[in-house]
Amino acid sequence: MKIAISAQKKSSESNISELFGKSPYFIIFEIKGGKIIKTEIIENKNLKQISGSGVEAAKLMMGKNVNVIITGNMGPRSLDMLNKFDVAVYCRKGRVDEALKEFIKEKLT
């Protein structure tokens, strides 16, 4: 399973970015058996677009075969696109590492 979390900085200790499409970074965690087996940090090169940055970020996540996205907030076009491909989306504030721990423990709602 791959979980992408929008992040303000290139660290799992970073805060979750408030806006999915305007997130400076995405941290993708590959999880197997409740453990992190791989981590990838991607810079969002579309964040400065005037419009459509969320849709482009959604396409990027789908290209990485992400199953779950955790972010501060997501626009309706991005959400609709991800829902069509059965990508679960959770909106949350706080730190990346804390959200990931909660998701792994199945406590994230």
C-alpha atoms as a PDB file:
ATOM      1  CA  MET A   1       0.000   0.000   0.000  1.00  0.00           C
ATOM      2  CA  LYS A   2       1.210   3.504  -0.823  1.00  0.00           C
ATOM      3  CA  ILE A   3       0.245   6.500   1.284  1.00  0.00           C
ATOM      4  CA  ALA A   4       0.984  10.052   0.106  1.00  0.00           C
ATOM      5  CA  ILE A   5       0.962  12.914   2.580  1.00  0.00           C
ATOM      6  CA  SER A   6       1.174  16.548   1.500  1.00  0.00           C
ATOM      7  CA  ALA A   7       4.034  18.193   3.384  1.00  0.00           C
ATOM      8  CA  GLN A   8       5.327  21.713   3.920  1.00  0.00           C
ATOM      9  CA  LYS A   9       8.944  20.491   4.049  1.00  0.00           C
ATOM     10  CA  LYS A  10      11.039  17.494   2.904  1.00  0.00           C
ATOM     11  CA  SER A  11      10.691  15.692   6.223  1.00  0.00           C
ATOM     12  CA  SER A  12       8.250  13.349   7.899  1.00  0.00           C
ATOM     13  CA  GLU A  13       8.509  15.687  10.901  1.00  0.00           C
ATOM     14  CA  SER A  14       7.025  18.461   8.756  1.00  0.00           C
ATOM     15  CA  ASN A  15       3.498  19.757   9.109  1.00  0.00           C
ATOM     16  CA  ILE A  16       0.897  18.538   6.666  1.00  0.00           C
ATOM     17  CA  SER A  17       0.373  21.086   3.913  1.00  0.00           C
ATOM     18  CA  GLU A  18      -2.959  22.884   4.130  1.00  0.00           C
ATOM     19  CA  LEU A  19      -3.809  22.648   0.409  1.00  0.00           C
ATOM     20  CA  PHE A  20      -3.241  19.511  -1.643  1.00  0.00           C
ATOM     21  CA  GLY A  21      -2.572  21.208  -4.996  1.00  0.00           C
ATOM     22  CA  LYS A  22      -0.376  23.911  -3.447  1.00  0.00           C
ATOM     23  CA  SER A  23       1.652  21.537  -1.292  1.00  0.00           C
ATOM     24  CA  PRO A  24       5.392  22.075  -1.750  1.00  0.00           C
ATOM     25  CA  TYR A  25       6.114  18.350  -1.292  1.00  0.00           C
ATOM     26  CA  PHE A  26       4.466  14.949  -1.229  1.00  0.00           C
ATOM     27  CA  ILE A  27       5.956  12.210   0.902  1.00  0.00           C
ATOM     28  CA  ILE A  28       4.993   8.750  -0.300  1.00  0.00           C
ATOM     29  CA  PHE A  29       5.315   5.883   2.142  1.00  0.00           C
ATOM     30  CA  GLU A  30       5.092   2.288   1.010  1.00  0.00           C
ATOM     31  CA  ILE A  31       3.660   0.193   3.831  1.00  0.00           C
ATOM     32  CA  LYS A  32       3.726  -3.575   4.194  1.00  0.00           C
ATOM     33  CA  GLY A  33       2.643  -5.437   7.308  1.00  0.00           C
ATOM     34  CA  GLY A  34       2.272  -2.158   9.211  1.00  0.00           C
ATOM     35  CA  LYS A  35       5.884  -1.154   8.548  1.00  0.00           C
ATOM     36  CA  ILE A  36       7.399   1.467   6.248  1.00  0.00           C
ATOM     37  CA  ILE A  37       9.443  -0.321   3.602  1.00  0.00           C
ATOM     38  CA  LYS A  38      10.124   2.629   1.295  1.00  0.00           C
ATOM     39  CA  THR A  39       9.853   6.429   1.379  1.00  0.00           C
ATOM     40  CA  GLU A  40       9.914   8.826  -1.571  1.00  0.00           C
ATOM     41  CA  ILE A  41       9.789  12.625  -1.429  1.00  0.00           C
ATOM     42  CA  ILE A  42       8.464  14.435  -4.488  1.00  0.00           C
ATOM     43  CA  GLU A  43       8.613  18.166  -5.106  1.00  0.00           C
ATOM     44  CA  ASN A  44       5.345  19.591  -6.442  1.00  0.00           C
ATOM     45  CA  LYS A  45       6.379  21.421  -9.593  1.00  0.00           C
ATOM     46  CA  ASN A  46       2.772  22.522 -10.280  1.00  0.00           C
ATOM     47  CA  LEU A  47       2.126  24.430  -7.082  1.00  0.00           C
ATOM     48  CA  LYS A  48       2.607  27.858  -8.675  1.00  0.00           C
ATOM     49  CA  GLN A  49      -0.024  27.271 -11.379  1.00  0.00           C
ATOM     50  CA  ILE A  50      -2.903  29.735 -11.183  1.00  0.00           C
ATOM     51  CA  SER A  51      -5.467  26.960 -11.601  1.00  0.00           C
ATOM     52  CA  GLY A  52      -5.452  23.214 -12.021  1.00  0.00           C
ATOM     53  CA  SER A  53      -2.619  22.504  -9.597  1.00  0.00           C
ATOM     54  CA  GLY A  54      -4.801  20.094  -7.625  1.00  0.00           C
ATOM     55  CA  VAL A  55      -5.741  18.098 -10.700  1.00  0.00           C
ATOM     56  CA  GLU A  56      -2.087  17.915 -11.760  1.00  0.00           C
ATOM     57  CA  ALA A  57      -1.110  16.770  -8.256  1.00  0.00           C
ATOM     58  CA  ALA A  58      -3.854  14.113  -8.395  1.00  0.00           C
ATOM     59  CA  LYS A  59      -2.477  12.876 -11.737  1.00  0.00           C
ATOM     60  CA  LEU A  60       0.997  12.728 -10.203  1.00  0.00           C
ATOM     61  CA  MET A  61      -0.296  10.644  -7.296  1.00  0.00           C
ATOM     62  CA  MET A  62      -2.145   8.267  -9.618  1.00  0.00           C
ATOM     63  CA  GLY A  63       1.039   7.879 -11.659  1.00  0.00           C
ATOM     64  CA  LYS A  64       2.782   6.770  -8.457  1.00  0.00           C
ATOM     65  CA  ASN A  65      -0.004   4.210  -7.752  1.00  0.00           C
ATOM     66  CA  VAL A  66      -0.946   5.848  -4.460  1.00  0.00           C
ATOM     67  CA  ASN A  67      -3.823   4.195  -2.552  1.00  0.00           C
ATOM     68  CA  VAL A  68      -4.328   6.828   0.166  1.00  0.00           C
ATOM     69  CA  ILE A  69      -3.759  10.580   0.376  1.00  0.00           C
ATOM     70  CA  ILE A  70      -3.606  12.559   3.608  1.00  0.00           C
ATOM     71  CA  THR A  71      -3.746  16.336   3.203  1.00  0.00           C
ATOM     72  CA  GLY A  72      -5.092  19.458   4.858  1.00  0.00           C
ATOM     73  CA  ASN A  73      -7.769  20.177   2.256  1.00  0.00           C
ATOM     74  CA  MET A  74      -8.545  19.144  -1.301  1.00  0.00           C
ATOM     75  CA  GLY A  75     -10.574  20.828  -4.017  1.00  0.00           C
ATOM     76  CA  PRO A  76     -13.624  19.144  -5.535  1.00  0.00           C
ATOM     77  CA  ARG A  77     -12.109  18.439  -8.963  1.00  0.00           C
ATOM     78  CA  SER A  78      -9.107  16.649  -7.464  1.00  0.00           C
ATOM     79  CA  LEU A  79     -11.311  14.755  -5.036  1.00  0.00           C
ATOM     80  CA  ASP A  80     -13.691  13.633  -7.801  1.00  0.00           C
ATOM     81  CA  MET A  81     -10.785  12.416  -9.922  1.00  0.00           C
ATOM     82  CA  LEU A  82      -9.225  10.441  -7.077  1.00  0.00           C
ATOM     83  CA  ASN A  83     -12.572   8.961  -5.999  1.00  0.00           C
ATOM     84  CA  LYS A  84     -13.056   7.568  -9.515  1.00  0.00           C
ATOM     85  CA  PHE A  85      -9.823   5.612  -9.081  1.00  0.00           C
ATOM     86  CA  ASP A  86     -10.675   4.452  -5.529  1.00  0.00           C
ATOM     87  CA  VAL A  87      -7.985   6.544  -3.868  1.00  0.00           C
ATOM     88  CA  ALA A  88      -8.993   7.209  -0.249  1.00  0.00           C
ATOM     89  CA  VAL A  89      -8.575  10.817   0.910  1.00  0.00           C
ATOM     90  CA  TYR A  90      -8.276  11.981   4.511  1.00  0.00           C
ATOM     91  CA  CYS A  91      -8.207  15.663   5.463  1.00  0.00           C
ATOM     92  CA  ARG A  92      -6.220  16.398   8.575  1.00  0.00           C
ATOM     93  CA  LYS A  93      -3.924  18.898  10.277  1.00  0.00           C
ATOM     94  CA  GLY A  94      -0.781  18.176  12.232  1.00  0.00           C
ATOM     95  CA  ARG A  95       2.499  16.474  11.470  1.00  0.00           C
ATOM     96  CA  VAL A  96       3.158  14.009   8.684  1.00  0.00           C
ATOM     97  CA  ASP A  97       4.652  11.333  10.953  1.00  0.00           C
ATOM     98  CA  GLU A  98       1.749  11.511  13.418  1.00  0.00           C
ATOM     99  CA  ALA A  99      -0.846  11.155  10.660  1.00  0.00           C
ATOM    100  CA  LEU A 100       1.019   8.182   9.222  1.00  0.00           C
ATOM    101  CA  LYS A 101       1.161   6.454  12.626  1.00  0.00           C
ATOM    102  CA  GLU A 102      -2.571   7.004  13.115  1.00  0.00           C
ATOM    103  CA  PHE A 103      -3.322   5.617   9.661  1.00  0.00           C
ATOM    104  CA  ILE A 104      -1.201   2.497  10.248  1.00  0.00           C
ATOM    105  CA  LYS A 105      -2.977   1.927  13.590  1.00  0.00           C
ATOM    106  CA  GLU A 106      -6.330   2.386  11.736  1.00  0.00           C
ATOM    107  CA  LYS A 107      -7.234   5.351  13.945  1.00  0.00           C
ATOM    108  CA  LEU A 108      -7.359   7.984  11.200  1.00  0.00           C
ATOM    109  CA  THR A 109     -10.892   9.027  10.271  1.00  0.00           C
END
